[in-house]
């Protein structure tokens, strides 16, 4: 099972390619405010480096937090969109060993269908001034 992992909760984004629990490739880059502009190109490059295409991915694991609100939203949106478009399972994990946790869950047949973020605290919603 070829699995793509995505972590975007901090300025340095991470993507990985795994064959079941064995890592075949991994990339970390300084994405910061350009994450939405770079993530799909980085995933495409990772796949091409390994002789693969998007259609070869069998599952996606996304880091769901806690972390940057915008970063988590971008990474999990990419994970969920790939899973939906490719009709493959997706899981999110917030465990310390998030990659291993997520891959084990995929191998066990889990599919969240939509991986939701965990921001680590309640939202701070301001009250209207009127």
C-alpha atoms as a PDB file:
ATOM      1  CA  UNK A   1       0.000   0.000   0.000  1.00  0.00           C
ATOM      2  CA  UNK A   2       1.504   3.339  -1.102  1.00  0.00           C
ATOM      3  CA  UNK A   3       0.717   6.016   1.469  1.00  0.00           C
ATOM      4  CA  UNK A   4       1.235   9.779   1.299  1.00  0.00           C
ATOM      5  CA  UNK A   5       1.753  11.648   4.586  1.00  0.00           C
ATOM      6  CA  UNK A   6       1.215  15.389   5.015  1.00  0.00           C
ATOM      7  CA  UNK A   7       2.161  17.644   7.935  1.00  0.00           C
ATOM      8  CA  UNK A   8       1.573  21.397   7.692  1.00  0.00           C
ATOM      9  CA  UNK A   9       1.127  22.643  11.264  1.00  0.00           C
ATOM     10  CA  UNK A  10       4.295  24.774  11.410  1.00  0.00           C
ATOM     11  CA  UNK A  11       6.426  26.892   9.022  1.00  0.00           C
ATOM     12  CA  UNK A  12       8.362  23.804   7.867  1.00  0.00           C
ATOM     13  CA  UNK A  13       5.977  21.542   5.953  1.00  0.00           C
ATOM     14  CA  UNK A  14       6.582  17.803   5.574  1.00  0.00           C
ATOM     15  CA  UNK A  15       5.408  15.209   3.078  1.00  0.00           C
ATOM     16  CA  UNK A  16       6.340  11.562   2.972  1.00  0.00           C
ATOM     17  CA  UNK A  17       5.883   8.512   0.845  1.00  0.00           C
ATOM     18  CA  UNK A  18       5.572   5.110   2.491  1.00  0.00           C
ATOM     19  CA  UNK A  19       5.170   1.537   1.301  1.00  0.00           C
ATOM     20  CA  UNK A  20       3.091   0.298   4.208  1.00  0.00           C
ATOM     21  CA  UNK A  21       5.227   1.175   7.279  1.00  0.00           C
ATOM     22  CA  UNK A  22       8.481   1.535   5.309  1.00  0.00           C
ATOM     23  CA  UNK A  23       9.485   5.085   4.390  1.00  0.00           C
ATOM     24  CA  UNK A  24      10.550   5.399   0.750  1.00  0.00           C
ATOM     25  CA  UNK A  25      10.954   9.186   0.555  1.00  0.00           C
ATOM     26  CA  UNK A  26      10.429  12.232   2.769  1.00  0.00           C
ATOM     27  CA  UNK A  27      10.761  15.967   2.215  1.00  0.00           C
ATOM     28  CA  UNK A  28      10.769  18.947   4.553  1.00  0.00           C
ATOM     29  CA  UNK A  29      10.728  22.488   3.181  1.00  0.00           C
ATOM     30  CA  UNK A  30      10.286  26.023   4.482  1.00  0.00           C
ATOM     31  CA  UNK A  31       6.724  26.639   3.279  1.00  0.00           C
ATOM     32  CA  UNK A  32       5.509  29.208   5.814  1.00  0.00           C
ATOM     33  CA  UNK A  33       3.251  31.701   3.976  1.00  0.00           C
ATOM     34  CA  UNK A  34       3.709  29.993   0.609  1.00  0.00           C
ATOM     35  CA  UNK A  35       2.305  26.618   1.679  1.00  0.00           C
ATOM     36  CA  UNK A  36      -0.788  26.844  -0.512  1.00  0.00           C
ATOM     37  CA  UNK A  37       1.415  27.708  -3.502  1.00  0.00           C
ATOM     38  CA  UNK A  38       3.979  24.959  -2.992  1.00  0.00           C
ATOM     39  CA  UNK A  39       2.325  21.888  -1.471  1.00  0.00           C
ATOM     40  CA  UNK A  40       0.828  20.321  -4.607  1.00  0.00           C
ATOM     41  CA  UNK A  41       4.005  20.901  -6.618  1.00  0.00           C
ATOM     42  CA  UNK A  42       6.065  19.336  -3.817  1.00  0.00           C
ATOM     43  CA  UNK A  43       3.776  16.295  -3.706  1.00  0.00           C
ATOM     44  CA  UNK A  44       3.969  15.970  -7.509  1.00  0.00           C
ATOM     45  CA  UNK A  45       7.796  16.178  -7.383  1.00  0.00           C
ATOM     46  CA  UNK A  46       7.924  13.567  -4.593  1.00  0.00           C
ATOM     47  CA  UNK A  47       5.800  11.179  -6.636  1.00  0.00           C
ATOM     48  CA  UNK A  48       7.751  11.744  -9.870  1.00  0.00           C
ATOM     49  CA  UNK A  49      11.069  11.178  -8.058  1.00  0.00           C
ATOM     50  CA  UNK A  50       9.736   7.762  -7.132  1.00  0.00           C
ATOM     51  CA  UNK A  51       8.296   6.927 -10.560  1.00  0.00           C
ATOM     52  CA  UNK A  52       4.704   7.390  -9.382  1.00  0.00           C
ATOM     53  CA  UNK A  53       1.638   9.418 -10.259  1.00  0.00           C
ATOM     54  CA  UNK A  54      -1.203  10.665  -8.063  1.00  0.00           C
ATOM     55  CA  UNK A  55      -3.289   7.659  -9.151  1.00  0.00           C
ATOM     56  CA  UNK A  56      -0.698   5.317  -7.566  1.00  0.00           C
ATOM     57  CA  UNK A  57      -1.454   6.578  -4.030  1.00  0.00           C
ATOM     58  CA  UNK A  58      -3.519   4.078  -2.000  1.00  0.00           C
ATOM     59  CA  UNK A  59      -4.118   6.195   1.132  1.00  0.00           C
ATOM     60  CA  UNK A  60      -3.376   9.532   2.804  1.00  0.00           C
ATOM     61  CA  UNK A  61      -2.414  10.346   6.396  1.00  0.00           C
ATOM     62  CA  UNK A  62      -2.647  13.949   7.523  1.00  0.00           C
ATOM     63  CA  UNK A  63      -1.347  15.476  10.746  1.00  0.00           C
ATOM     64  CA  UNK A  64      -4.418  17.030  12.340  1.00  0.00           C
ATOM     65  CA  UNK A  65      -2.893  19.123  15.089  1.00  0.00           C
ATOM     66  CA  UNK A  66      -2.552  20.925  17.258  1.00  0.00           C
ATOM     67  CA  UNK A  67      -0.895  23.665  15.291  1.00  0.00           C
ATOM     68  CA  UNK A  68      -1.301  26.605  12.979  1.00  0.00           C
ATOM     69  CA  UNK A  69      -4.942  27.230  12.077  1.00  0.00           C
ATOM     70  CA  UNK A  70      -4.247  28.064   8.436  1.00  0.00           C
ATOM     71  CA  UNK A  71      -1.493  25.475   8.026  1.00  0.00           C
ATOM     72  CA  UNK A  72      -3.674  22.651   9.335  1.00  0.00           C
ATOM     73  CA  UNK A  73      -6.568  23.737   7.133  1.00  0.00           C
ATOM     74  CA  UNK A  74      -4.399  23.761   4.005  1.00  0.00           C
ATOM     75  CA  UNK A  75      -2.746  20.390   4.675  1.00  0.00           C
ATOM     76  CA  UNK A  76      -5.948  18.592   5.614  1.00  0.00           C
ATOM     77  CA  UNK A  77      -7.819  20.140   2.694  1.00  0.00           C
ATOM     78  CA  UNK A  78      -5.179  18.746   0.341  1.00  0.00           C
ATOM     79  CA  UNK A  79      -5.337  15.340   2.078  1.00  0.00           C
ATOM     80  CA  UNK A  80      -9.141  15.234   1.964  1.00  0.00           C
ATOM     81  CA  UNK A  81      -9.297  16.441  -1.639  1.00  0.00           C
ATOM     82  CA  UNK A  82      -6.784  13.848  -2.830  1.00  0.00           C
ATOM     83  CA  UNK A  83      -8.652  11.106  -0.990  1.00  0.00           C
ATOM     84  CA  UNK A  84     -11.991  12.185  -2.431  1.00  0.00           C
ATOM     85  CA  UNK A  85     -10.707  12.667  -5.966  1.00  0.00           C
ATOM     86  CA  UNK A  86      -8.727   9.428  -6.041  1.00  0.00           C
ATOM     87  CA  UNK A  87     -11.374   7.489  -4.082  1.00  0.00           C
ATOM     88  CA  UNK A  88      -8.863   6.359  -1.476  1.00  0.00           C
ATOM     89  CA  UNK A  89      -8.997   6.379   2.334  1.00  0.00           C
ATOM     90  CA  UNK A  90      -7.805   9.275   4.478  1.00  0.00           C
ATOM     91  CA  UNK A  91      -7.103   9.438   8.205  1.00  0.00           C
ATOM     92  CA  UNK A  92      -5.884  12.231  10.433  1.00  0.00           C
ATOM     93  CA  UNK A  93      -3.690  11.690  13.458  1.00  0.00           C
ATOM     94  CA  UNK A  94      -2.590  13.891  16.338  1.00  0.00           C
ATOM     95  CA  UNK A  95      -0.526  11.219  18.076  1.00  0.00           C
ATOM     96  CA  UNK A  96       3.161  11.796  18.823  1.00  0.00           C
ATOM     97  CA  UNK A  97       3.975   9.014  16.354  1.00  0.00           C
ATOM     98  CA  UNK A  98       1.330  10.336  13.941  1.00  0.00           C
ATOM     99  CA  UNK A  99       2.741   8.682  10.829  1.00  0.00           C
ATOM    100  CA  UNK A 100       2.879   5.184  12.302  1.00  0.00           C
ATOM    101  CA  UNK A 101      -0.532   5.661  13.945  1.00  0.00           C
ATOM    102  CA  UNK A 102      -2.127   6.834  10.710  1.00  0.00           C
ATOM    103  CA  UNK A 103      -0.547   4.137   8.557  1.00  0.00           C
ATOM    104  CA  UNK A 104      -1.590   1.379  10.980  1.00  0.00           C
ATOM    105  CA  UNK A 105      -5.151   2.710  10.880  1.00  0.00           C
ATOM    106  CA  UNK A 106      -5.147   2.745   7.076  1.00  0.00           C
ATOM    107  CA  UNK A 107      -3.748  -0.791   6.963  1.00  0.00           C
ATOM    108  CA  UNK A 108      -6.538  -1.842   9.357  1.00  0.00           C
ATOM    109  CA  UNK A 109      -9.095  -0.537   6.860  1.00  0.00           C
ATOM    110  CA  UNK A 110     -10.040   2.764   8.523  1.00  0.00           C
ATOM    111  CA  UNK A 111     -11.279   5.667   6.437  1.00  0.00           C
ATOM    112  CA  UNK A 112     -12.409   8.896   8.074  1.00  0.00           C
ATOM    113  CA  UNK A 113     -13.607  10.169   4.667  1.00  0.00           C
ATOM    114  CA  UNK A 114     -12.956  13.673   6.000  1.00  0.00           C
ATOM    115  CA  UNK A 115     -10.001  14.217   8.333  1.00  0.00           C
ATOM    116  CA  UNK A 116     -10.798  17.134  10.635  1.00  0.00           C
ATOM    117  CA  UNK A 117      -8.230  19.394  12.319  1.00  0.00           C
ATOM    118  CA  UNK A 118      -7.586  19.595  16.041  1.00  0.00           C
ATOM    119  CA  UNK A 119      -6.365  23.088  16.904  1.00  0.00           C
ATOM    120  CA  UNK A 120      -5.416  22.380  20.516  1.00  0.00           C
ATOM    121  CA  UNK A 121      -7.759  24.914  22.102  1.00  0.00           C
ATOM    122  CA  UNK A 122     -11.193  26.379  21.760  1.00  0.00           C
ATOM    123  CA  UNK A 123     -11.628  29.052  19.106  1.00  0.00           C
ATOM    124  CA  UNK A 124     -11.342  32.676  20.190  1.00  0.00           C
ATOM    125  CA  UNK A 125     -14.375  34.235  18.559  1.00  0.00           C
ATOM    126  CA  UNK A 126     -14.778  37.938  19.102  1.00  0.00           C
ATOM    127  CA  UNK A 127     -18.175  39.397  19.844  1.00  0.00           C
ATOM    128  CA  UNK A 128     -19.760  41.813  17.352  1.00  0.00           C
ATOM    129  CA  UNK A 129     -19.258  45.463  18.268  1.00  0.00           C
ATOM    130  CA  UNK A 130     -22.877  46.433  17.629  1.00  0.00           C
END
